[in-house]
Amino acid sequence: MDVDLIFKIAAIGIVVAVLGQLLIRSGREDQAMLTTLAGLIVVLSIVLKEISNLFSSIKELFSL
């Protein structure tokens, strides 16, 4: 696992949080929720890819 991955996830979280607050303050709560949901989906896809790589490495390590 790379430190860049942690920074990437943190950057996505900060951007989503700022956009969410801006949208909430402008009265667009629905769009803020969709923005938060989109950010969550992006981060989950990144994490799932890394988990897949982890399982592939373990499978290769134990020759399964």
PDB file of N, CA and C in Angstrom:
ATOM      1  N   MET A   1       0.846  -1.179   0.000  1.00  0.00           N
ATOM      2  CA  MET A   1       0.000   0.000   0.000  1.00  0.00           C
ATOM      3  C   MET A   1       0.887   1.236   0.000  1.00  0.00           C
ATOM      4  N   ASP A   2       0.496   2.177  -0.760  1.00  0.00           N
ATOM      5  CA  ASP A   2       1.285   3.378  -0.941  1.00  0.00           C
ATOM      6  C   ASP A   2       0.709   4.529  -0.111  1.00  0.00           C
ATOM      7  N   VAL A   3       1.574   5.448   0.276  1.00  0.00           N
ATOM      8  CA  VAL A   3       1.122   6.623   1.017  1.00  0.00           C
ATOM      9  C   VAL A   3       0.290   7.522   0.096  1.00  0.00           C
ATOM     10  N   ASP A   4       0.571   7.453  -1.200  1.00  0.00           N
ATOM     11  CA  ASP A   4      -0.199   8.249  -2.158  1.00  0.00           C
ATOM     12  C   ASP A   4      -1.683   7.897  -2.128  1.00  0.00           C
ATOM     13  N   LEU A   5      -1.976   6.633  -1.863  1.00  0.00           N
ATOM     14  CA  LEU A   5      -3.372   6.198  -1.782  1.00  0.00           C
ATOM     15  C   LEU A   5      -4.091   6.910  -0.635  1.00  0.00           C
ATOM     16  N   ILE A   6      -3.433   7.033   0.492  1.00  0.00           N
ATOM     17  CA  ILE A   6      -4.034   7.708   1.649  1.00  0.00           C
ATOM     18  C   ILE A   6      -4.268   9.181   1.335  1.00  0.00           C
ATOM     19  N   PHE A   7      -3.277   9.811   0.691  1.00  0.00           N
ATOM     20  CA  PHE A   7      -3.433  11.222   0.327  1.00  0.00           C
ATOM     21  C   PHE A   7      -4.542  11.410  -0.705  1.00  0.00           C
ATOM     22  N   LYS A   8      -4.671  10.464  -1.634  1.00  0.00           N
ATOM     23  CA  LYS A   8      -5.723  10.553  -2.650  1.00  0.00           C
ATOM     24  C   LYS A   8      -7.103  10.470  -2.006  1.00  0.00           C
ATOM     25  N   ILE A   9      -7.275   9.533  -1.080  1.00  0.00           N
ATOM     26  CA  ILE A   9      -8.561   9.378  -0.396  1.00  0.00           C
ATOM     27  C   ILE A   9      -8.856  10.607   0.465  1.00  0.00           C
ATOM     28  N   ALA A  10      -7.834  11.133   1.134  1.00  0.00           N
ATOM     29  CA  ALA A  10      -8.023  12.335   1.955  1.00  0.00           C
ATOM     30  C   ALA A  10      -8.407  13.532   1.094  1.00  0.00           C
ATOM     31  N   ALA A  11      -7.774  13.668  -0.062  1.00  0.00           N
ATOM     32  CA  ALA A  11      -8.090  14.781  -0.960  1.00  0.00           C
ATOM     33  C   ALA A  11      -9.524  14.683  -1.465  1.00  0.00           C
ATOM     34  N   ILE A  12      -9.957  13.489  -1.807  1.00  0.00           N
ATOM     35  CA  ILE A  12     -11.343  13.303  -2.252  1.00  0.00           C
ATOM     36  C   ILE A  12     -12.296  13.663  -1.122  1.00  0.00           C
ATOM     37  N   GLY A  13     -11.971  13.258   0.096  1.00  0.00           N
ATOM     38  CA  GLY A  13     -12.816  13.577   1.241  1.00  0.00           C
ATOM     39  C   GLY A  13     -12.919  15.069   1.492  1.00  0.00           C
ATOM     40  N   ILE A  14     -11.805  15.773   1.381  1.00  0.00           N
ATOM     41  CA  ILE A  14     -11.818  17.222   1.599  1.00  0.00           C
ATOM     42  C   ILE A  14     -12.638  17.924   0.520  1.00  0.00           C
ATOM     43  N   VAL A  15     -12.435  17.536  -0.732  1.00  0.00           N
ATOM     44  CA  VAL A  15     -13.183  18.163  -1.839  1.00  0.00           C
ATOM     45  C   VAL A  15     -14.678  17.908  -1.689  1.00  0.00           C
ATOM     46  N   VAL A  16     -15.043  16.687  -1.350  1.00  0.00           N
ATOM     47  CA  VAL A  16     -16.464  16.355  -1.189  1.00  0.00           C
ATOM     48  C   VAL A  16     -17.068  17.111  -0.016  1.00  0.00           C
ATOM     49  N   ALA A  17     -16.320  17.234   1.076  1.00  0.00           N
ATOM     50  CA  ALA A  17     -16.823  17.957   2.245  1.00  0.00           C
ATOM     51  C   ALA A  17     -17.053  19.437   1.922  1.00  0.00           C
ATOM     52  N   VAL A  18     -16.110  20.048   1.222  1.00  0.00           N
ATOM     53  CA  VAL A  18     -16.257  21.466   0.863  1.00  0.00           C
ATOM     54  C   VAL A  18     -17.429  21.665  -0.093  1.00  0.00           C
ATOM     55  N   LEU A  19     -17.509  20.804  -1.110  1.00  0.00           N
ATOM     56  CA  LEU A  19     -18.633  20.921  -2.043  1.00  0.00           C
ATOM     57  C   LEU A  19     -19.967  20.697  -1.334  1.00  0.00           C
ATOM     58  N   GLY A  20     -20.002  19.733  -0.428  1.00  0.00           N
ATOM     59  CA  GLY A  20     -21.231  19.471   0.313  1.00  0.00           C
ATOM     60  C   GLY A  20     -21.664  20.667   1.142  1.00  0.00           C
ATOM     61  N   GLN A  21     -20.727  21.286   1.821  1.00  0.00           N
ATOM     62  CA  GLN A  21     -21.060  22.461   2.633  1.00  0.00           C
ATOM     63  C   GLN A  21     -21.516  23.632   1.767  1.00  0.00           C
ATOM     64  N   LEU A  22     -20.858  23.822   0.645  1.00  0.00           N
ATOM     65  CA  LEU A  22     -21.278  24.909  -0.256  1.00  0.00           C
ATOM     66  C   LEU A  22     -22.694  24.669  -0.783  1.00  0.00           C
ATOM     67  N   LEU A  23     -22.979  23.432  -1.139  1.00  0.00           N
ATOM     68  CA  LEU A  23     -24.314  23.127  -1.662  1.00  0.00           C
ATOM     69  C   LEU A  23     -25.375  23.224  -0.574  1.00  0.00           C
ATOM     70  N   ILE A  24     -25.065  22.811   0.631  1.00  0.00           N
ATOM     71  CA  ILE A  24     -26.036  22.907   1.726  1.00  0.00           C
ATOM     72  C   ILE A  24     -26.340  24.365   2.036  1.00  0.00           C
ATOM     73  N   ARG A  25     -25.307  25.192   2.084  1.00  0.00           N
ATOM     74  CA  ARG A  25     -25.515  26.613   2.402  1.00  0.00           C
ATOM     75  C   ARG A  25     -26.272  27.352   1.303  1.00  0.00           C
ATOM     76  N   SER A  26     -26.208  26.836   0.078  1.00  0.00           N
ATOM     77  CA  SER A  26     -26.953  27.480  -1.002  1.00  0.00           C
ATOM     78  C   SER A  26     -28.356  26.895  -1.145  1.00  0.00           C
ATOM     79  N   GLY A  27     -28.725  25.975  -0.258  1.00  0.00           N
ATOM     80  CA  GLY A  27     -30.077  25.438  -0.258  1.00  0.00           C
ATOM     81  C   GLY A  27     -30.287  24.263  -1.184  1.00  0.00           C
ATOM     82  N   ARG A  28     -29.233  23.607  -1.588  1.00  0.00           N
ATOM     83  CA  ARG A  28     -29.342  22.460  -2.503  1.00  0.00           C
ATOM     84  C   ARG A  28     -28.947  21.179  -1.762  1.00  0.00           C
ATOM     85  N   GLU A  29     -29.755  20.802  -0.806  1.00  0.00           N
ATOM     86  CA  GLU A  29     -29.443  19.642   0.026  1.00  0.00           C
ATOM     87  C   GLU A  29     -29.422  18.353  -0.773  1.00  0.00           C
ATOM     88  N   ASP A  30     -30.300  18.225  -1.763  1.00  0.00           N
ATOM     89  CA  ASP A  30     -30.348  17.009  -2.575  1.00  0.00           C
ATOM     90  C   ASP A  30     -29.056  16.823  -3.367  1.00  0.00           C
ATOM     91  N   GLN A  31     -28.566  17.909  -3.955  1.00  0.00           N
ATOM     92  CA  GLN A  31     -27.322  17.818  -4.712  1.00  0.00           C
ATOM     93  C   GLN A  31     -26.134  17.573  -3.789  1.00  0.00           C
ATOM     94  N   ALA A  32     -26.185  18.097  -2.579  1.00  0.00           N
ATOM     95  CA  ALA A  32     -25.118  17.844  -1.607  1.00  0.00           C
ATOM     96  C   ALA A  32     -25.078  16.364  -1.243  1.00  0.00           C
ATOM     97  N   MET A  33     -26.246  15.760  -1.066  1.00  0.00           N
ATOM     98  CA  MET A  33     -26.301  14.343  -0.754  1.00  0.00           C
ATOM     99  C   MET A  33     -25.765  13.517  -1.921  1.00  0.00           C
ATOM    100  N   LEU A  34     -26.114  13.882  -3.144  1.00  0.00           N
ATOM    101  CA  LEU A  34     -25.620  13.153  -4.310  1.00  0.00           C
ATOM    102  C   LEU A  34     -24.109  13.315  -4.464  1.00  0.00           C
ATOM    103  N   THR A  35     -23.591  14.486  -4.143  1.00  0.00           N
ATOM    104  CA  THR A  35     -22.151  14.708  -4.191  1.00  0.00           C
ATOM    105  C   THR A  35     -21.434  13.834  -3.171  1.00  0.00           C
ATOM    106  N   THR A  36     -21.986  13.753  -1.977  1.00  0.00           N
ATOM    107  CA  THR A  36     -21.413  12.904  -0.938  1.00  0.00           C
ATOM    108  C   THR A  36     -21.463  11.441  -1.343  1.00  0.00           C
ATOM    109  N   LEU A  37     -22.566  11.029  -1.925  1.00  0.00           N
ATOM    110  CA  LEU A  37     -22.712   9.650  -2.381  1.00  0.00           C
ATOM    111  C   LEU A  37     -21.724   9.330  -3.495  1.00  0.00           C
ATOM    112  N   ALA A  38     -21.530  10.257  -4.420  1.00  0.00           N
ATOM    113  CA  ALA A  38     -20.566  10.052  -5.507  1.00  0.00           C
ATOM    114  C   ALA A  38     -19.148   9.940  -4.956  1.00  0.00           C
ATOM    115  N   GLY A  39     -18.808  10.776  -3.986  1.00  0.00           N
ATOM    116  CA  GLY A  39     -17.489  10.689  -3.363  1.00  0.00           C
ATOM    117  C   GLY A  39     -17.281   9.360  -2.660  1.00  0.00           C
ATOM    118  N   LEU A  40     -18.308   8.891  -1.988  1.00  0.00           N
ATOM    119  CA  LEU A  40     -18.228   7.599  -1.303  1.00  0.00           C
ATOM    120  C   LEU A  40     -18.026   6.467  -2.297  1.00  0.00           C
ATOM    121  N   ILE A  41     -18.730   6.512  -3.407  1.00  0.00           N
ATOM    122  CA  ILE A  41     -18.597   5.467  -4.429  1.00  0.00           C
ATOM    123  C   ILE A  41     -17.195   5.471  -5.033  1.00  0.00           C
ATOM    124  N   VAL A  42     -16.649   6.647  -5.276  1.00  0.00           N
ATOM    125  CA  VAL A  42     -15.293   6.741  -5.831  1.00  0.00           C
ATOM    126  C   VAL A  42     -14.274   6.149  -4.861  1.00  0.00           C
ATOM    127  N   VAL A  43     -14.378   6.516  -3.578  1.00  0.00           N
ATOM    128  CA  VAL A  43     -13.433   6.008  -2.584  1.00  0.00           C
ATOM    129  C   VAL A  43     -13.595   4.502  -2.411  1.00  0.00           C
ATOM    130  N   LEU A  44     -14.823   4.013  -2.399  1.00  0.00           N
ATOM    131  CA  LEU A  44     -15.041   2.571  -2.273  1.00  0.00           C
ATOM    132  C   LEU A  44     -14.473   1.811  -3.461  1.00  0.00           C
ATOM    133  N   SER A  45     -14.577   2.370  -4.658  1.00  0.00           N
ATOM    134  CA  SER A  45     -14.009   1.694  -5.822  1.00  0.00           C
ATOM    135  C   SER A  45     -12.485   1.641  -5.737  1.00  0.00           C
ATOM    136  N   ILE A  46     -11.869   2.696  -5.228  1.00  0.00           N
ATOM    137  CA  ILE A  46     -10.409   2.695  -5.042  1.00  0.00           C
ATOM    138  C   ILE A  46     -10.012   1.643  -4.011  1.00  0.00           C
ATOM    139  N   VAL A  47     -10.741   1.596  -2.897  1.00  0.00           N
ATOM    140  CA  VAL A  47     -10.424   0.641  -1.834  1.00  0.00           C
ATOM    141  C   VAL A  47     -10.659  -0.792  -2.300  1.00  0.00           C
ATOM    142  N   LEU A  48     -11.729  -1.027  -3.046  1.00  0.00           N
ATOM    143  CA  LEU A  48     -11.999  -2.381  -3.542  1.00  0.00           C
ATOM    144  C   LEU A  48     -10.917  -2.848  -4.505  1.00  0.00           C
ATOM    145  N   LYS A  49     -10.402  -1.937  -5.317  1.00  0.00           N
ATOM    146  CA  LYS A  49      -9.313  -2.292  -6.225  1.00  0.00           C
ATOM    147  C   LYS A  49      -8.074  -2.697  -5.442  1.00  0.00           C
ATOM    148  N   GLU A  50      -7.776  -1.971  -4.368  1.00  0.00           N
ATOM    149  CA  GLU A  50      -6.616  -2.300  -3.549  1.00  0.00           C
ATOM    150  C   GLU A  50      -6.821  -3.620  -2.797  1.00  0.00           C
ATOM    151  N   ILE A  51      -8.035  -3.886  -2.338  1.00  0.00           N
ATOM    152  CA  ILE A  51      -8.315  -5.160  -1.669  1.00  0.00           C
ATOM    153  C   ILE A  51      -8.169  -6.316  -2.657  1.00  0.00           C
ATOM    154  N   SER A  52      -8.607  -6.099  -3.891  1.00  0.00           N
ATOM    155  CA  SER A  52      -8.437  -7.118  -4.925  1.00  0.00           C
ATOM    156  C   SER A  52      -6.963  -7.396  -5.177  1.00  0.00           C
ATOM    157  N   ASN A  53      -6.162  -6.335  -5.218  1.00  0.00           N
ATOM    158  CA  ASN A  53      -4.718  -6.525  -5.386  1.00  0.00           C
ATOM    159  C   ASN A  53      -4.114  -7.284  -4.205  1.00  0.00           C
ATOM    160  N   LEU A  54      -4.598  -7.000  -3.003  1.00  0.00           N
ATOM    161  CA  LEU A  54      -4.122  -7.706  -1.804  1.00  0.00           C
ATOM    162  C   LEU A  54      -4.422  -9.191  -1.895  1.00  0.00           C
ATOM    163  N   PHE A  55      -5.655  -9.543  -2.262  1.00  0.00           N
ATOM    164  CA  PHE A  55      -6.013 -10.949  -2.374  1.00  0.00           C
ATOM    165  C   PHE A  55      -5.234 -11.637  -3.486  1.00  0.00           C
ATOM    166  N   SER A  56      -4.980 -10.932  -4.566  1.00  0.00           N
ATOM    167  CA  SER A  56      -4.172 -11.514  -5.644  1.00  0.00           C
ATOM    168  C   SER A  56      -2.749 -11.784  -5.177  1.00  0.00           C
ATOM    169  N   SER A  57      -2.203 -10.860  -4.403  1.00  0.00           N
ATOM    170  CA  SER A  57      -0.844 -11.057  -3.874  1.00  0.00           C
ATOM    171  C   SER A  57      -0.799 -12.226  -2.903  1.00  0.00           C
ATOM    172  N   ILE A  58      -1.807 -12.348  -2.053  1.00  0.00           N
ATOM    173  CA  ILE A  58      -1.845 -13.476  -1.099  1.00  0.00           C
ATOM    174  C   ILE A  58      -2.004 -14.785  -1.837  1.00  0.00           C
ATOM    175  N   LYS A  59      -2.841 -14.790  -2.859  1.00  0.00           N
ATOM    176  CA  LYS A  59      -3.056 -16.007  -3.648  1.00  0.00           C
ATOM    177  C   LYS A  59      -1.763 -16.421  -4.341  1.00  0.00           C
ATOM    178  N   GLU A  60      -1.040 -15.440  -4.886  1.00  0.00           N
ATOM    179  CA  GLU A  60       0.220 -15.721  -5.551  1.00  0.00           C
ATOM    180  C   GLU A  60       1.274 -16.187  -4.553  1.00  0.00           C
ATOM    181  N   LEU A  61       1.274 -15.603  -3.376  1.00  0.00           N
ATOM    182  CA  LEU A  61       2.261 -15.941  -2.351  1.00  0.00           C
ATOM    183  C   LEU A  61       2.118 -17.383  -1.901  1.00  0.00           C
ATOM    184  N   PHE A  62       0.903 -17.846  -1.716  1.00  0.00           N
ATOM    185  CA  PHE A  62       0.665 -19.208  -1.251  1.00  0.00           C
ATOM    186  C   PHE A  62       0.416 -20.187  -2.382  1.00  0.00           C
ATOM    187  N   SER A  63       0.566 -19.744  -3.620  1.00  0.00           N
ATOM    188  CA  SER A  63       0.402 -20.589  -4.821  1.00  0.00           C
ATOM    189  C   SER A  63      -0.929 -21.312  -4.831  1.00  0.00           C
ATOM    190  N   LEU A  64      -1.993 -20.543  -4.632  1.00  0.00           N
ATOM    191  CA  LEU A  64      -3.343 -21.131  -4.641  1.00  0.00           C
ATOM    192  C   LEU A  64      -3.977 -21.005  -5.991  1.00  0.00           C
TER     193      LEU A  64
END
